[in-house]
C-alpha atoms as a PDB file:
ATOM      1  CA  MET A   1       0.081  -0.028  -0.082  1.00  0.00           C
ATOM      2  CA  ILE A   2       1.178   3.472  -0.938  1.00  0.00           C
ATOM      3  CA  ALA A   3       1.392   5.713   2.040  1.00  0.00           C
ATOM      4  CA  ARG A   4       0.293   9.415   1.241  1.00  0.00           C
ATOM      5  CA  ALA A   5       0.374  12.549   2.938  1.00  0.00           C
ATOM      6  CA  GLY A   6      -2.774  13.338   5.050  1.00  0.00           C
ATOM      7  CA  LEU A   7      -3.618   9.548   5.522  1.00  0.00           C
ATOM      8  CA  ARG A   8      -3.214   7.806   8.606  1.00  0.00           C
ATOM      9  CA  THR A   9      -0.330   5.448   8.461  1.00  0.00           C
ATOM     10  CA  LYS A  10       0.589   2.322  10.608  1.00  0.00           C
ATOM     11  CA  THR A  11       2.769   4.655  12.860  1.00  0.00           C
ATOM     12  CA  GLY A  12      -0.362   6.536  13.873  1.00  0.00           C
ATOM     13  CA  GLY A  13       0.895  10.006  12.716  1.00  0.00           C
ATOM     14  CA  THR A  14      -1.166  12.234  10.248  1.00  0.00           C
ATOM     15  CA  ASP A  15       0.803  14.467   7.752  1.00  0.00           C
ATOM     16  CA  THR A  16      -1.513  17.236   6.651  1.00  0.00           C
ATOM     17  CA  ALA A  17       1.167  19.039   4.366  1.00  0.00           C
ATOM     18  CA  TRP A  18      -1.099  18.013   1.381  1.00  0.00           C
ATOM     19  CA  MET A  19      -4.090  20.034   2.558  1.00  0.00           C
ATOM     20  CA  GLY A  20      -4.622  22.784   0.290  1.00  0.00           C
ATOM     21  CA  ASP A  21      -4.139  20.897  -3.086  1.00  0.00           C
ATOM     22  CA  ARG A  22      -5.462  23.382  -5.643  1.00  0.00           C
ATOM     23  CA  ASN A  23      -7.015  22.746  -9.184  1.00  0.00           C
ATOM     24  CA  VAL A  24      -6.148  24.403 -12.394  1.00  0.00           C
ATOM     25  CA  LEU A  25      -8.699  27.154 -11.489  1.00  0.00           C
ATOM     26  CA  GLY A  26      -6.877  28.359  -8.334  1.00  0.00           C
ATOM     27  CA  SER A  27      -9.566  26.866  -5.917  1.00  0.00           C
ATOM     28  CA  ASP A  28      -9.461  23.798  -3.822  1.00  0.00           C
ATOM     29  CA  LEU A  29      -9.213  20.460  -5.578  1.00  0.00           C
ATOM     30  CA  GLU A  30     -12.411  18.642  -5.897  1.00  0.00           C
ATOM     31  CA  PRO A  31     -12.886  14.931  -6.067  1.00  0.00           C
ATOM     32  CA  CYS A  32     -12.566  13.419  -9.457  1.00  0.00           C
ATOM     33  CA  GLY A  33     -14.311   9.762  -9.034  1.00  0.00           C
ATOM     34  CA  THR A  34     -15.063   7.185  -6.656  1.00  0.00           C
ATOM     35  CA  ASP A  35     -16.746   4.635  -8.873  1.00  0.00           C
ATOM     36  CA  PRO A  36     -14.347   3.468  -9.836  1.00  0.00           C
ATOM     37  CA  LEU A  37     -12.142   4.955  -7.365  1.00  0.00           C
ATOM     38  CA  THR A  38      -9.490   7.055  -9.047  1.00  0.00           C
ATOM     39  CA  GLY A  39      -6.353   8.846  -8.135  1.00  0.00           C
ATOM     40  CA  PHE A  40      -2.645   7.749  -8.038  1.00  0.00           C
ATOM     41  CA  TYR A  41      -3.315   7.197  -4.437  1.00  0.00           C
ATOM     42  CA  ARG A  42      -6.821   5.650  -4.919  1.00  0.00           C
ATOM     43  CA  ASP A  43      -8.341   8.294  -2.651  1.00  0.00           C
ATOM     44  CA  GLY A  44     -10.829   9.565  -5.340  1.00  0.00           C
ATOM     45  CA  THR A  45      -8.685  12.766  -6.212  1.00  0.00           C
ATOM     46  CA  CYS A  46      -5.918  13.800  -8.785  1.00  0.00           C
ATOM     47  CA  THR A  47      -3.681  14.587  -5.884  1.00  0.00           C
ATOM     48  CA  THR A  48       0.039  14.052  -6.915  1.00  0.00           C
ATOM     49  CA  GLY A  49       3.339  13.734  -5.015  1.00  0.00           C
ATOM     50  CA  PRO A  50       6.792  12.665  -5.473  1.00  0.00           C
ATOM     51  CA  GLU A  51       5.916   8.960  -5.919  1.00  0.00           C
ATOM     52  CA  ASP A  52       3.627   9.784  -8.901  1.00  0.00           C
ATOM     53  CA  ARG A  53       6.179  10.095 -11.817  1.00  0.00           C
ATOM     54  CA  GLY A  54       3.506   9.994 -14.382  1.00  0.00           C
ATOM     55  CA  SER A  55       1.495  13.011 -12.783  1.00  0.00           C
ATOM     56  CA  HIS A  56      -1.979  11.608 -12.707  1.00  0.00           C
ATOM     57  CA  THR A  57      -3.537  14.896 -12.543  1.00  0.00           C
ATOM     58  CA  VAL A  58      -5.937  15.397 -15.287  1.00  0.00           C
ATOM     59  CA  CYS A  59      -9.512  14.452 -14.277  1.00  0.00           C
ATOM     60  CA  ALA A  60     -10.703  12.925 -17.605  1.00  0.00           C
ATOM     61  CA  VAL A  61     -14.328  11.763 -18.496  1.00  0.00           C
ATOM     62  CA  VAL A  62     -13.153   9.071 -20.725  1.00  0.00           C
ATOM     63  CA  THR A  63     -14.816   8.429 -23.955  1.00  0.00           C
ATOM     64  CA  GLN A  64     -14.443   5.295 -26.227  1.00  0.00           C
ATOM     65  CA  GLU A  65     -12.336   7.201 -28.801  1.00  0.00           C
ATOM     66  CA  PHE A  66      -9.912   8.258 -25.804  1.00  0.00           C
ATOM     67  CA  LEU A  67      -9.688   4.668 -24.458  1.00  0.00           C
ATOM     68  CA  GLU A  68      -9.007   3.488 -27.979  1.00  0.00           C
ATOM     69  CA  HIS A  69      -6.216   6.057 -28.517  1.00  0.00           C
ATOM     70  CA  GLN A  70      -4.748   5.250 -25.122  1.00  0.00           C
ATOM     71  CA  GLN A  71      -4.613   1.635 -26.044  1.00  0.00           C
ATOM     72  CA  ARG A  72      -2.827   2.384 -29.330  1.00  0.00           C
ATOM     73  CA  ILE A  73      -0.169   4.414 -27.445  1.00  0.00           C
ATOM     74  CA  GLY A  74       0.549   1.478 -25.124  1.00  0.00           C
ATOM     75  CA  ASN A  75      -1.642   2.824 -22.200  1.00  0.00           C
ATOM     76  CA  ASP A  76      -4.438   0.194 -21.840  1.00  0.00           C
ATOM     77  CA  LEU A  77      -6.984   1.699 -19.716  1.00  0.00           C
ATOM     78  CA  SER A  78      -9.876  -0.876 -20.456  1.00  0.00           C
ATOM     79  CA  THR A  79      -8.245  -4.009 -19.208  1.00  0.00           C
ATOM     80  CA  PRO A  80      -8.990  -4.676 -15.387  1.00  0.00           C
ATOM     81  CA  MET A  81      -5.681  -5.116 -13.357  1.00  0.00           C
ATOM     82  CA  PRO A  82      -6.729  -6.075  -9.907  1.00  0.00           C
ATOM     83  CA  GLN A  83      -3.098  -6.326  -8.759  1.00  0.00           C
ATOM     84  CA  TYR A  84      -3.056  -2.424  -9.018  1.00  0.00           C
ATOM     85  CA  ARG A  85      -6.930  -1.981  -7.799  1.00  0.00           C
ATOM     86  CA  PHE A  86      -7.488  -0.986 -11.442  1.00  0.00           C
ATOM     87  CA  PRO A  87     -11.229  -2.097 -12.429  1.00  0.00           C
ATOM     88  CA  GLY A  88     -10.716  -1.299 -16.210  1.00  0.00           C
ATOM     89  CA  LEU A  89     -12.564   1.854 -17.600  1.00  0.00           C
ATOM     90  CA  VAL A  90     -15.726   2.209 -19.603  1.00  0.00           C
ATOM     91  CA  PRO A  91     -16.870   5.367 -21.415  1.00  0.00           C
ATOM     92  CA  GLY A  92     -18.255   7.922 -18.928  1.00  0.00           C
ATOM     93  CA  ASP A  93     -15.950   6.877 -16.117  1.00  0.00           C
ATOM     94  CA  ARG A  94     -14.079   9.779 -14.429  1.00  0.00           C
ATOM     95  CA  TRP A  95     -10.338   8.974 -13.888  1.00  0.00           C
ATOM     96  CA  CYS A  96      -7.175  10.686 -13.091  1.00  0.00           C
ATOM     97  CA  VAL A  97      -4.896  10.263 -16.367  1.00  0.00           C
ATOM     98  CA  THR A  98      -1.345  11.386 -16.769  1.00  0.00           C
ATOM     99  CA  ALA A  99      -0.914  14.694 -17.998  1.00  0.00           C
ATOM    100  CA  ALA A 100       1.363  13.859 -20.809  1.00  0.00           C
ATOM    101  CA  ASN A 101      -1.111  11.017 -22.146  1.00  0.00           C
ATOM    102  CA  TRP A 102      -3.945  13.546 -22.175  1.00  0.00           C
ATOM    103  CA  LEU A 103      -1.903  16.126 -23.944  1.00  0.00           C
ATOM    104  CA  ARG A 104      -0.851  13.473 -26.543  1.00  0.00           C
ATOM    105  CA  ALA A 105      -4.586  12.517 -27.115  1.00  0.00           C
ATOM    106  CA  TYR A 106      -5.186  16.355 -27.418  1.00  0.00           C
ATOM    107  CA  GLN A 107      -2.469  16.734 -29.971  1.00  0.00           C
ATOM    108  CA  ASP A 108      -3.915  13.562 -31.773  1.00  0.00           C
ATOM    109  CA  GLY A 109      -7.459  14.948 -31.892  1.00  0.00           C
ATOM    110  CA  THR A 110      -8.885  12.461 -29.418  1.00  0.00           C
ATOM    111  CA  ALA A 111      -8.839  14.224 -26.087  1.00  0.00           C
ATOM    112  CA  SER A 112     -11.387  13.386 -23.504  1.00  0.00           C
ATOM    113  CA  PRO A 113     -13.584  16.003 -21.625  1.00  0.00           C
ATOM    114  CA  VAL A 114     -11.951  17.207 -18.346  1.00  0.00           C
ATOM    115  CA  VAL A 115     -13.341  18.391 -15.033  1.00  0.00           C
ATOM    116  CA  LEU A 116     -11.283  21.540 -14.196  1.00  0.00           C
ATOM    117  CA  ALA A 117     -12.402  21.758 -10.823  1.00  0.00           C
ATOM    118  CA  SER A 118     -10.984  18.221 -10.167  1.00  0.00           C
ATOM    119  CA  THR A 119      -7.849  18.627 -12.321  1.00  0.00           C
ATOM    120  CA  HIS A 120      -4.771  19.243 -10.153  1.00  0.00           C
ATOM    121  CA  GLU A 121      -2.879  22.454 -10.817  1.00  0.00           C
ATOM    122  CA  ARG A 122       0.268  20.443 -11.509  1.00  0.00           C
ATOM    123  CA  ALA A 123      -1.226  19.412 -14.810  1.00  0.00           C
ATOM    124  CA  LEU A 124      -0.361  22.971 -15.786  1.00  0.00           C
ATOM    125  CA  ASP A 125       3.250  21.877 -15.799  1.00  0.00           C
ATOM    126  CA  ILE A 126       2.413  19.789 -18.958  1.00  0.00           C
ATOM    127  CA  VAL A 127      -0.695  20.866 -20.444  1.00  0.00           C
ATOM    128  CA  PRO A 128      -1.727  24.493 -21.315  1.00  0.00           C
ATOM    129  CA  LEU A 129      -4.848  25.734 -19.593  1.00  0.00           C
ATOM    130  CA  ALA A 130      -6.287  26.797 -22.829  1.00  0.00           C
ATOM    131  CA  ALA A 131      -6.249  23.212 -24.005  1.00  0.00           C
ATOM    132  CA  LEU A 132      -7.922  21.887 -20.780  1.00  0.00           C
ATOM    133  CA  LYS A 133     -10.371  24.666 -20.981  1.00  0.00           C
ATOM    134  CA  GLN A 134     -11.174  23.812 -24.604  1.00  0.00           C
ATOM    135  CA  HIS A 135     -12.456  20.273 -23.358  1.00  0.00           C
ATOM    136  CA  SER A 136     -13.912  21.311 -19.967  1.00  0.00           C
ATOM    137  CA  VAL A 137     -17.035  19.728 -18.996  1.00  0.00           C
ATOM    138  CA  ASP A 138     -19.034  20.020 -15.578  1.00  0.00           C
ATOM    139  CA  VAL A 139     -19.973  16.696 -14.507  1.00  0.00           C
ATOM    140  CA  PRO A 140     -21.863  15.952 -11.202  1.00  0.00           C
ATOM    141  CA  ALA A 141     -20.138  13.399  -9.051  1.00  0.00           C
ATOM    142  CA  ASP A 142     -23.389  11.316  -9.341  1.00  0.00           C
ATOM    143  CA  ALA A 143     -23.869  11.279 -13.132  1.00  0.00           C
ATOM    144  CA  SER A 144     -27.167   9.116 -12.692  1.00  0.00           C
ATOM    145  CA  ALA A 145     -28.671  12.554 -12.064  1.00  0.00           C
ATOM    146  CA  LEU A 146     -28.373  13.214 -15.740  1.00  0.00           C
ATOM    147  CA  GLU A 147     -30.446  10.049 -16.967  1.00  0.00           C
ATOM    148  CA  ASP A 148     -33.684  10.445 -18.541  1.00  0.00           C
ATOM    149  CA  THR A 149     -36.166   9.018 -16.118  1.00  0.00           C
ATOM    150  CA  GLU A 150     -39.054   9.314 -18.445  1.00  0.00           C
ATOM    151  CA  ARG A 151     -37.999   6.500 -20.741  1.00  0.00           C
END
């Protein structure tokens, strides 16, 4: 298990240095997704730290086109990998993807929508804010609220 700042560890201490993570809009980082549970630290947020060498900081709402692109570049996000607590993604899932892979999809014309309030400010080290804004979408944490109930 990966120990992370702000989580209780077996030693009983709590490190709160992570508190105050910011999103690309400059406000508090909001959760990205809990079903499936996302984040490098599997805490539902796109929080990053020194262990996260891939910078899993972009909160993407994955599309089929994005998933297929990721598979073509060697990043299979569809196949479950239980050893990494990874369930495999389906279109519509919210997932913290690496900034570099999202940027590559953007450059290749297959970028997924992103939730700016849930995208960590460190993504801006790699991805221009204008690119993220171009693909921004507001998605409620519970997307079932968007379903048509009168079918």
